[in-house]
Amino acid sequence: MIRTNRRLKLCGVLTACCLVFIWGNSLMPGSVSQLFSDCVQGLLGTLFSGGEAGASGGSGLLRKVAHFTEFAALGMCLGWLFGMLGKRPVWPFTLGVAAACLDETIQFFVPGRSPGVPDVCIDSCGAAFGMLLLYLGHSYFKKKRTNHSGGN
């Protein structure tokens, strides 16, 4: 990955924004977090079911998908940052797992929230998936750029 000071700064800011978003959501009391999840679930239900109310069954799946997705974004940012620094993939993944552990630790101290080992696993898989997407995208565009310039 091409490394410039501007790209390093951008990546650092994006990584920090991901962490603020993740940990900010974990600092929400359980009742507020549930209300937010219910609103998002209702909105998605309205958008994707032709105006009917959201699907029943709670927002558990939505919350797990949200965790996976936000940690995938973090994994992409960490993978990009450490890729520019020439570090091995184990470092961004380790930091993604550490962020997941800290996320669950934060929830231990927030009223109405509770930590869970399965959530750390979901978050860690999200970080790994984000890193994988970044790697595949980088490889694809690098190959495309090489093939395009080699054909001239």
N, C-alpha and C. Protein backbone atom coordinates (compact mmCIF):
# COMPACT_ATOMS: atom_id res chain seq x y z
N MET A 1 0.84 -1.17 0.00
CA MET A 1 0.00 0.00 0.00
C MET A 1 0.89 1.23 0.00
N ILE A 2 0.48 2.20 -0.78
CA ILE A 2 1.25 3.43 -0.87
C ILE A 2 1.06 4.23 0.41
N ARG A 3 2.19 4.69 0.95
CA ARG A 3 2.18 5.40 2.22
C ARG A 3 2.55 6.86 1.99
N THR A 4 1.67 7.74 2.41
CA THR A 4 1.95 9.17 2.43
C THR A 4 1.49 9.70 3.78
N ASN A 5 2.01 10.85 4.17
CA ASN A 5 1.59 11.44 5.44
C ASN A 5 0.10 11.75 5.45
N ARG A 6 -0.40 12.19 4.31
CA ARG A 6 -1.83 12.51 4.21
C ARG A 6 -2.69 11.26 4.39
N ARG A 7 -2.29 10.17 3.78
CA ARG A 7 -3.04 8.91 3.92
C ARG A 7 -2.95 8.37 5.34
N LEU A 8 -1.79 8.48 5.95
CA LEU A 8 -1.64 8.03 7.34
C LEU A 8 -2.55 8.82 8.26
N LYS A 9 -2.59 10.13 8.08
CA LYS A 9 -3.45 10.98 8.92
C LYS A 9 -4.92 10.64 8.70
N LEU A 10 -5.32 10.50 7.44
CA LEU A 10 -6.70 10.17 7.12
C LEU A 10 -7.08 8.83 7.75
N CYS A 11 -6.22 7.86 7.61
CA CYS A 11 -6.51 6.54 8.16
C CYS A 11 -6.57 6.59 9.69
N GLY A 12 -5.68 7.35 10.30
CA GLY A 12 -5.71 7.49 11.75
C GLY A 12 -7.00 8.13 12.24
N VAL A 13 -7.45 9.16 11.51
CA VAL A 13 -8.70 9.84 11.87
C VAL A 13 -9.89 8.89 11.69
N LEU A 14 -9.92 8.15 10.59
CA LEU A 14 -11.02 7.20 10.36
C LEU A 14 -11.05 6.11 11.42
N THR A 15 -9.87 5.62 11.80
CA THR A 15 -9.78 4.60 12.84
C THR A 15 -10.31 5.15 14.16
N ALA A 16 -9.89 6.37 14.51
CA ALA A 16 -10.36 6.99 15.74
C ALA A 16 -11.88 7.20 15.71
N CYS A 17 -12.41 7.61 14.55
CA CYS A 17 -13.87 7.79 14.42
C CYS A 17 -14.61 6.47 14.61
N CYS A 18 -14.07 5.39 14.07
CA CYS A 18 -14.68 4.07 14.26
C CYS A 18 -14.73 3.72 15.74
N LEU A 19 -13.62 3.93 16.43
CA LEU A 19 -13.56 3.60 17.85
C LEU A 19 -14.50 4.47 18.68
N VAL A 20 -14.58 5.76 18.36
CA VAL A 20 -15.50 6.65 19.07
C VAL A 20 -16.94 6.19 18.85
N PHE A 21 -17.27 5.83 17.62
CA PHE A 21 -18.62 5.36 17.31
C PHE A 21 -18.93 4.07 18.08
N ILE A 22 -18.02 3.11 18.02
CA ILE A 22 -18.23 1.82 18.68
C ILE A 22 -18.38 2.01 20.18
N TRP A 23 -17.41 2.67 20.79
CA TRP A 23 -17.43 2.81 22.24
C TRP A 23 -18.49 3.79 22.70
N GLY A 24 -18.83 4.77 21.86
CA GLY A 24 -19.93 5.67 22.19
C GLY A 24 -21.25 4.94 22.28
N ASN A 25 -21.47 4.00 21.36
CA ASN A 25 -22.68 3.19 21.42
C ASN A 25 -22.70 2.30 22.66
N SER A 26 -21.53 1.82 23.07
CA SER A 26 -21.46 0.96 24.26
C SER A 26 -21.71 1.74 25.54
N LEU A 27 -21.49 3.04 25.51
CA LEU A 27 -21.72 3.87 26.69
C LEU A 27 -23.19 4.24 26.87
N MET A 28 -24.02 3.96 25.86
CA MET A 28 -25.45 4.24 25.98
C MET A 28 -26.07 3.27 26.97
N PRO A 29 -26.90 3.78 27.89
CA PRO A 29 -27.62 2.86 28.78
C PRO A 29 -28.47 1.88 27.98
N GLY A 30 -28.73 0.73 28.56
CA GLY A 30 -29.46 -0.32 27.86
C GLY A 30 -30.79 0.13 27.30
N SER A 31 -31.54 0.95 28.06
CA SER A 31 -32.86 1.40 27.58
C SER A 31 -32.73 2.29 26.35
N VAL A 32 -31.73 3.16 26.33
CA VAL A 32 -31.52 4.05 25.18
C VAL A 32 -31.06 3.24 23.98
N SER A 33 -30.13 2.32 24.21
CA SER A 33 -29.63 1.47 23.13
C SER A 33 -30.76 0.64 22.52
N GLN A 34 -31.63 0.09 23.37
CA GLN A 34 -32.75 -0.72 22.88
C GLN A 34 -33.73 0.14 22.09
N LEU A 35 -34.00 1.34 22.56
CA LEU A 35 -34.89 2.26 21.84
C LEU A 35 -34.34 2.58 20.46
N PHE A 36 -33.03 2.85 20.39
CA PHE A 36 -32.38 3.13 19.12
C PHE A 36 -32.49 1.92 18.19
N SER A 37 -32.21 0.73 18.71
CA SER A 37 -32.31 -0.49 17.89
C SER A 37 -33.72 -0.71 17.39
N ASP A 38 -34.71 -0.46 18.26
CA ASP A 38 -36.11 -0.63 17.85
C ASP A 38 -36.49 0.35 16.75
N CYS A 39 -35.98 1.60 16.85
CA CYS A 39 -36.26 2.60 15.81
C CYS A 39 -35.64 2.18 14.47
N VAL A 40 -34.40 1.72 14.51
CA VAL A 40 -33.73 1.28 13.29
C VAL A 40 -34.44 0.07 12.71
N GLN A 41 -34.84 -0.87 13.57
CA GLN A 41 -35.54 -2.06 13.09
C GLN A 41 -36.88 -1.68 12.46
N GLY A 42 -37.60 -0.74 13.07
CA GLY A 42 -38.86 -0.28 12.49
C GLY A 42 -38.66 0.38 11.15
N LEU A 43 -37.62 1.21 11.05
CA LEU A 43 -37.31 1.88 9.79
C LEU A 43 -36.96 0.86 8.70
N LEU A 44 -36.12 -0.10 9.04
CA LEU A 44 -35.75 -1.12 8.06
C LEU A 44 -36.96 -1.97 7.67
N GLY A 45 -37.80 -2.28 8.63
CA GLY A 45 -39.01 -3.04 8.33
C GLY A 45 -39.93 -2.29 7.40
N THR A 46 -40.05 -1.00 7.60
CA THR A 46 -40.88 -0.17 6.73
C THR A 46 -40.30 -0.08 5.33
N LEU A 47 -38.98 0.09 5.24
CA LEU A 47 -38.33 0.22 3.93
C LEU A 47 -38.39 -1.07 3.12
N PHE A 48 -38.20 -2.21 3.78
CA PHE A 48 -38.04 -3.46 3.05
C PHE A 48 -39.27 -4.35 3.04
N SER A 49 -40.35 -3.95 3.71
CA SER A 49 -41.54 -4.80 3.67
C SER A 49 -42.75 -4.07 3.10
N GLY A 50 -42.49 -3.02 2.33
CA GLY A 50 -43.58 -2.33 1.64
C GLY A 50 -44.49 -1.54 2.57
N GLY A 51 -43.97 -0.99 3.65
CA GLY A 51 -44.77 -0.14 4.52
C GLY A 51 -45.32 -0.83 5.74
N GLU A 52 -45.14 -2.14 5.87
CA GLU A 52 -45.63 -2.84 7.05
C GLU A 52 -44.69 -2.57 8.22
N ALA A 53 -45.17 -2.86 9.40
CA ALA A 53 -44.34 -2.69 10.60
C ALA A 53 -43.16 -3.64 10.54
N GLY A 54 -42.13 -3.35 11.32
CA GLY A 54 -40.93 -4.18 11.37
C GLY A 54 -41.22 -5.60 11.81
N ALA A 55 -40.34 -6.51 11.47
CA ALA A 55 -40.52 -7.91 11.83
C ALA A 55 -40.48 -8.08 13.33
N SER A 56 -41.26 -9.05 13.81
CA SER A 56 -41.27 -9.32 15.24
C SER A 56 -40.06 -10.19 15.59
N GLY A 57 -39.86 -10.35 16.88
CA GLY A 57 -38.75 -11.21 17.31
C GLY A 57 -37.62 -10.45 17.95
N GLY A 58 -37.80 -9.14 18.17
CA GLY A 58 -36.76 -8.37 18.84
C GLY A 58 -35.69 -7.90 17.89
N SER A 59 -34.75 -7.20 18.46
CA SER A 59 -33.71 -6.61 17.63
C SER A 59 -32.36 -7.29 17.84
N GLY A 60 -32.36 -8.50 18.38
CA GLY A 60 -31.11 -9.21 18.66
C GLY A 60 -30.26 -9.42 17.43
N LEU A 61 -30.86 -9.90 16.36
CA LEU A 61 -30.11 -10.13 15.12
C LEU A 61 -29.58 -8.82 14.55
N LEU A 62 -30.42 -7.80 14.57
CA LEU A 62 -29.99 -6.48 14.07
C LEU A 62 -28.78 -5.99 14.86
N ARG A 63 -28.79 -6.17 16.17
CA ARG A 63 -27.68 -5.72 17.00
C ARG A 63 -26.41 -6.50 16.68
N LYS A 64 -26.53 -7.80 16.44
CA LYS A 64 -25.35 -8.61 16.10
C LYS A 64 -24.78 -8.20 14.75
N VAL A 65 -25.66 -7.95 13.77
CA VAL A 65 -25.21 -7.51 12.45
C VAL A 65 -24.55 -6.13 12.56
N ALA A 66 -25.11 -5.27 13.41
CA ALA A 66 -24.51 -3.94 13.59
C ALA A 66 -23.12 -4.06 14.21
N HIS A 67 -22.97 -4.91 15.21
CA HIS A 67 -21.65 -5.13 15.81
C HIS A 67 -20.66 -5.63 14.77
N PHE A 68 -21.06 -6.64 14.01
CA PHE A 68 -20.20 -7.20 12.98
C PHE A 68 -19.78 -6.12 11.98
N THR A 69 -20.74 -5.31 11.55
CA THR A 69 -20.48 -4.29 10.54
C THR A 69 -19.56 -3.19 11.05
N GLU A 70 -19.80 -2.70 12.27
CA GLU A 70 -18.95 -1.62 12.77
C GLU A 70 -17.52 -2.12 13.02
N PHE A 71 -17.37 -3.38 13.41
CA PHE A 71 -16.02 -3.91 13.58
C PHE A 71 -15.38 -4.27 12.24
N ALA A 72 -16.19 -4.56 11.22
CA ALA A 72 -15.63 -4.74 9.88
C ALA A 72 -15.03 -3.42 9.40
N ALA A 73 -15.73 -2.32 9.66
CA ALA A 73 -15.19 -1.00 9.29
C ALA A 73 -13.89 -0.73 10.06
N LEU A 74 -13.87 -1.08 11.34
CA LEU A 74 -12.65 -0.90 12.13
C LEU A 74 -11.53 -1.77 11.59
N GLY A 75 -11.84 -3.01 11.22
CA GLY A 75 -10.84 -3.92 10.66
C GLY A 75 -10.25 -3.38 9.37
N MET A 76 -11.10 -2.78 8.53
CA MET A 76 -10.59 -2.18 7.30
C MET A 76 -9.64 -1.03 7.61
N CYS A 77 -10.03 -0.18 8.55
CA CYS A 77 -9.17 0.96 8.91
C CYS A 77 -7.84 0.48 9.50
N LEU A 78 -7.91 -0.48 10.41
CA LEU A 78 -6.68 -1.00 11.03
C LEU A 78 -5.80 -1.70 9.99
N GLY A 79 -6.42 -2.48 9.11
CA GLY A 79 -5.67 -3.16 8.06
C GLY A 79 -4.99 -2.18 7.12
N TRP A 80 -5.70 -1.11 6.79
CA TRP A 80 -5.14 -0.08 5.91
C TRP A 80 -3.97 0.62 6.59
N LEU A 81 -4.18 1.00 7.85
CA LEU A 81 -3.13 1.71 8.59
C LEU A 81 -1.87 0.85 8.73
N PHE A 82 -2.04 -0.37 9.18
CA PHE A 82 -0.88 -1.23 9.39
C PHE A 82 -0.28 -1.72 8.07
N GLY A 83 -1.10 -1.80 7.02
CA GLY A 83 -0.58 -2.12 5.69
C GLY A 83 0.35 -1.04 5.18
N MET A 84 -0.03 0.23 5.42
CA MET A 84 0.84 1.33 5.00
C MET A 84 2.12 1.36 5.82
N LEU A 85 2.04 0.90 7.04
CA LEU A 85 3.23 0.87 7.89
C LEU A 85 4.09 -0.37 7.67
N GLY A 86 3.62 -1.26 6.79
CA GLY A 86 4.39 -2.46 6.46
C GLY A 86 4.38 -3.52 7.55
N LYS A 87 3.36 -3.51 8.40
CA LYS A 87 3.27 -4.48 9.49
C LYS A 87 2.48 -5.70 9.07
N ARG A 88 2.71 -6.79 9.76
CA ARG A 88 2.01 -8.05 9.48
C ARG A 88 0.55 -7.96 9.90
N PRO A 89 -0.34 -8.72 9.26
CA PRO A 89 -1.78 -8.66 9.56
C PRO A 89 -2.15 -9.04 10.99
N VAL A 90 -1.26 -9.72 11.69
CA VAL A 90 -1.59 -10.13 13.05
C VAL A 90 -1.78 -8.91 13.95
N TRP A 91 -1.07 -7.81 13.70
CA TRP A 91 -1.18 -6.63 14.55
C TRP A 91 -2.54 -5.95 14.46
N PRO A 92 -3.05 -5.65 13.26
CA PRO A 92 -4.37 -5.03 13.23
C PRO A 92 -5.46 -5.96 13.77
N PHE A 93 -5.32 -7.27 13.51
CA PHE A 93 -6.33 -8.19 14.04
C PHE A 93 -6.28 -8.21 15.57
N THR A 94 -5.08 -8.23 16.13
CA THR A 94 -4.93 -8.22 17.58
C THR A 94 -5.55 -6.97 18.18
N LEU A 95 -5.33 -5.83 17.55
CA LEU A 95 -5.94 -4.60 18.04
C LEU A 95 -7.46 -4.61 17.88
N GLY A 96 -7.96 -5.24 16.83
CA GLY A 96 -9.41 -5.38 16.67
C GLY A 96 -10.01 -6.22 17.78
N VAL A 97 -9.34 -7.31 18.15
CA VAL A 97 -9.81 -8.16 19.25
C VAL A 97 -9.73 -7.38 20.57
N ALA A 98 -8.66 -6.63 20.75
CA ALA A 98 -8.51 -5.82 21.97
C ALA A 98 -9.63 -4.77 22.06
N ALA A 99 -9.97 -4.15 20.93
CA ALA A 99 -11.06 -3.17 20.91
C ALA A 99 -12.38 -3.84 21.26
N ALA A 100 -12.58 -5.07 20.77
CA ALA A 100 -13.80 -5.82 21.09
C ALA A 100 -13.86 -6.14 22.58
N CYS A 101 -12.74 -6.55 23.15
CA CYS A 101 -12.70 -6.85 24.59
C CYS A 101 -12.98 -5.59 25.41
N LEU A 102 -12.40 -4.48 25.01
CA LEU A 102 -12.64 -3.22 25.72
C LEU A 102 -14.09 -2.78 25.57
N ASP A 103 -14.65 -3.00 24.39
CA ASP A 103 -16.06 -2.67 24.14
C ASP A 103 -16.96 -3.42 25.12
N GLU A 104 -16.72 -4.68 25.29
CA GLU A 104 -17.53 -5.48 26.21
C GLU A 104 -17.25 -5.10 27.66
N THR A 105 -16.02 -4.72 27.97
CA THR A 105 -15.70 -4.28 29.33
C THR A 105 -16.44 -2.99 29.66
N ILE A 106 -16.52 -2.08 28.70
CA ILE A 106 -17.28 -0.84 28.90
C ILE A 106 -18.72 -1.15 29.27
N GLN A 107 -19.32 -2.12 28.55
CA GLN A 107 -20.72 -2.45 28.78
C GLN A 107 -20.96 -3.03 30.18
N PHE A 108 -19.94 -3.58 30.79
CA PHE A 108 -20.05 -4.12 32.14
C PHE A 108 -20.42 -3.01 33.14
N PHE A 109 -19.97 -1.78 32.88
CA PHE A 109 -20.17 -0.67 33.80
C PHE A 109 -21.35 0.23 33.44
N VAL A 110 -22.06 -0.08 32.37
CA VAL A 110 -23.17 0.75 31.91
C VAL A 110 -24.49 0.12 32.35
N PRO A 111 -25.37 0.92 32.96
CA PRO A 111 -26.66 0.38 33.41
C PRO A 111 -27.46 -0.25 32.27
N GLY A 112 -27.99 -1.43 32.51
CA GLY A 112 -28.82 -2.11 31.53
C GLY A 112 -28.06 -2.81 30.42
N ARG A 113 -26.74 -2.83 30.52
CA ARG A 113 -25.90 -3.50 29.51
C ARG A 113 -25.13 -4.61 30.20
N SER A 114 -24.75 -5.60 29.42
CA SER A 114 -23.94 -6.69 29.98
C SER A 114 -22.97 -7.18 28.91
N PRO A 115 -21.76 -7.53 29.34
CA PRO A 115 -20.76 -8.04 28.39
C PRO A 115 -21.06 -9.48 28.01
N GLY A 116 -20.50 -9.91 26.90
CA GLY A 116 -20.68 -11.29 26.47
C GLY A 116 -19.53 -11.77 25.61
N VAL A 117 -19.07 -12.97 25.90
CA VAL A 117 -18.01 -13.58 25.10
C VAL A 117 -18.45 -13.77 23.65
N PRO A 118 -19.70 -14.19 23.39
CA PRO A 118 -20.13 -14.31 21.99
C PRO A 118 -20.02 -13.00 21.22
N ASP A 119 -20.26 -11.87 21.91
CA ASP A 119 -20.14 -10.58 21.23
C ASP A 119 -18.70 -10.27 20.86
N VAL A 120 -17.76 -10.66 21.72
CA VAL A 120 -16.33 -10.48 21.39
C VAL A 120 -16.00 -11.30 20.15
N CYS A 121 -16.54 -12.50 20.06
CA CYS A 121 -16.29 -13.36 18.89
C CYS A 121 -16.89 -12.74 17.62
N ILE A 122 -18.12 -12.23 17.72
CA ILE A 122 -18.77 -11.60 16.56
C ILE A 122 -17.96 -10.37 16.12
N ASP A 123 -17.55 -9.56 17.10
CA ASP A 123 -16.77 -8.36 16.80
C ASP A 123 -15.44 -8.72 16.16
N SER A 124 -14.78 -9.72 16.69
CA SER A 124 -13.48 -10.15 16.15
C SER A 124 -13.62 -10.69 14.73
N CYS A 125 -14.68 -11.45 14.50
CA CYS A 125 -14.93 -11.94 13.13
C CYS A 125 -15.22 -10.77 12.19
N GLY A 126 -15.92 -9.76 12.68
CA GLY A 126 -16.16 -8.57 11.87
C GLY A 126 -14.86 -7.87 11.51
N ALA A 127 -13.95 -7.73 12.48
CA ALA A 127 -12.65 -7.10 12.20
C ALA A 127 -11.87 -7.91 11.17
N ALA A 128 -11.87 -9.23 11.33
CA ALA A 128 -11.17 -10.09 10.37
C ALA A 128 -11.79 -9.97 8.98
N PHE A 129 -13.11 -9.92 8.91
CA PHE A 129 -13.81 -9.78 7.63
C PHE A 129 -13.46 -8.46 6.96
N GLY A 130 -13.41 -7.38 7.75
CA GLY A 130 -13.03 -6.07 7.20
C GLY A 130 -11.63 -6.09 6.64
N MET A 131 -10.72 -6.74 7.36
CA MET A 131 -9.34 -6.85 6.87
C MET A 131 -9.29 -7.68 5.59
N LEU A 132 -10.08 -8.75 5.54
CA LEU A 132 -10.13 -9.58 4.34
C LEU A 132 -10.68 -8.79 3.15
N LEU A 133 -11.74 -8.03 3.37
CA LEU A 133 -12.29 -7.20 2.29
C LEU A 133 -11.26 -6.21 1.78
N LEU A 134 -10.55 -5.59 2.71
CA LEU A 134 -9.51 -4.64 2.31
C LEU A 134 -8.44 -5.33 1.48
N TYR A 135 -7.98 -6.48 1.93
CA TYR A 135 -6.95 -7.23 1.22
C TYR A 135 -7.42 -7.62 -0.18
N LEU A 136 -8.64 -8.16 -0.27
CA LEU A 136 -9.17 -8.58 -1.57
C LEU A 136 -9.34 -7.38 -2.51
N GLY A 137 -9.85 -6.27 -1.97
CA GLY A 137 -10.01 -5.07 -2.79
C GLY A 137 -8.67 -4.53 -3.25
N HIS A 138 -7.71 -4.50 -2.36
CA HIS A 138 -6.37 -4.01 -2.72
C HIS A 138 -5.74 -4.91 -3.78
N SER A 139 -5.86 -6.22 -3.60
CA SER A 139 -5.29 -7.16 -4.57
C SER A 139 -5.96 -7.02 -5.93
N TYR A 140 -7.28 -6.87 -5.93
CA TYR A 140 -8.03 -6.73 -7.19
C TYR A 140 -7.58 -5.48 -7.95
N PHE A 141 -7.55 -4.34 -7.26
CA PHE A 141 -7.18 -3.10 -7.94
C PHE A 141 -5.71 -3.06 -8.32
N LYS A 142 -4.87 -3.69 -7.53
CA LYS A 142 -3.45 -3.76 -7.87
C LYS A 142 -3.27 -4.60 -9.14
N LYS A 143 -3.98 -5.73 -9.22
CA LYS A 143 -3.90 -6.60 -10.40
C LYS A 143 -4.49 -5.89 -11.62
N LYS A 144 -5.60 -5.21 -11.41
CA LYS A 144 -6.24 -4.48 -12.52
C LYS A 144 -5.32 -3.38 -13.04
N ARG A 145 -4.68 -2.67 -12.13
CA ARG A 145 -3.76 -1.59 -12.51
C ARG A 145 -2.54 -2.17 -13.24
N THR A 146 -2.02 -3.30 -12.78
CA THR A 146 -0.88 -3.94 -13.42
C THR A 146 -1.24 -4.45 -14.81
N ASN A 147 -2.41 -5.08 -14.94
CA ASN A 147 -2.86 -5.58 -16.25
C ASN A 147 -3.12 -4.44 -17.22
N HIS A 148 -3.67 -3.36 -16.70
CA HIS A 148 -4.00 -2.22 -17.56
C HIS A 148 -2.72 -1.53 -18.06
N SER A 149 -1.76 -1.35 -17.19
CA SER A 149 -0.53 -0.68 -17.62
C SER A 149 0.35 -1.61 -18.45
N GLY A 150 0.24 -2.91 -18.22
CA GLY A 150 1.04 -3.87 -18.99
C GLY A 150 0.53 -4.05 -20.41
N GLY A 151 -0.72 -3.72 -20.64
CA GLY A 151 -1.31 -3.89 -21.97
C GLY A 151 -0.99 -2.74 -22.91
N ASN A 152 -0.38 -1.68 -22.43
CA ASN A 152 -0.07 -0.53 -23.28
C ASN A 152 1.27 -0.65 -23.93
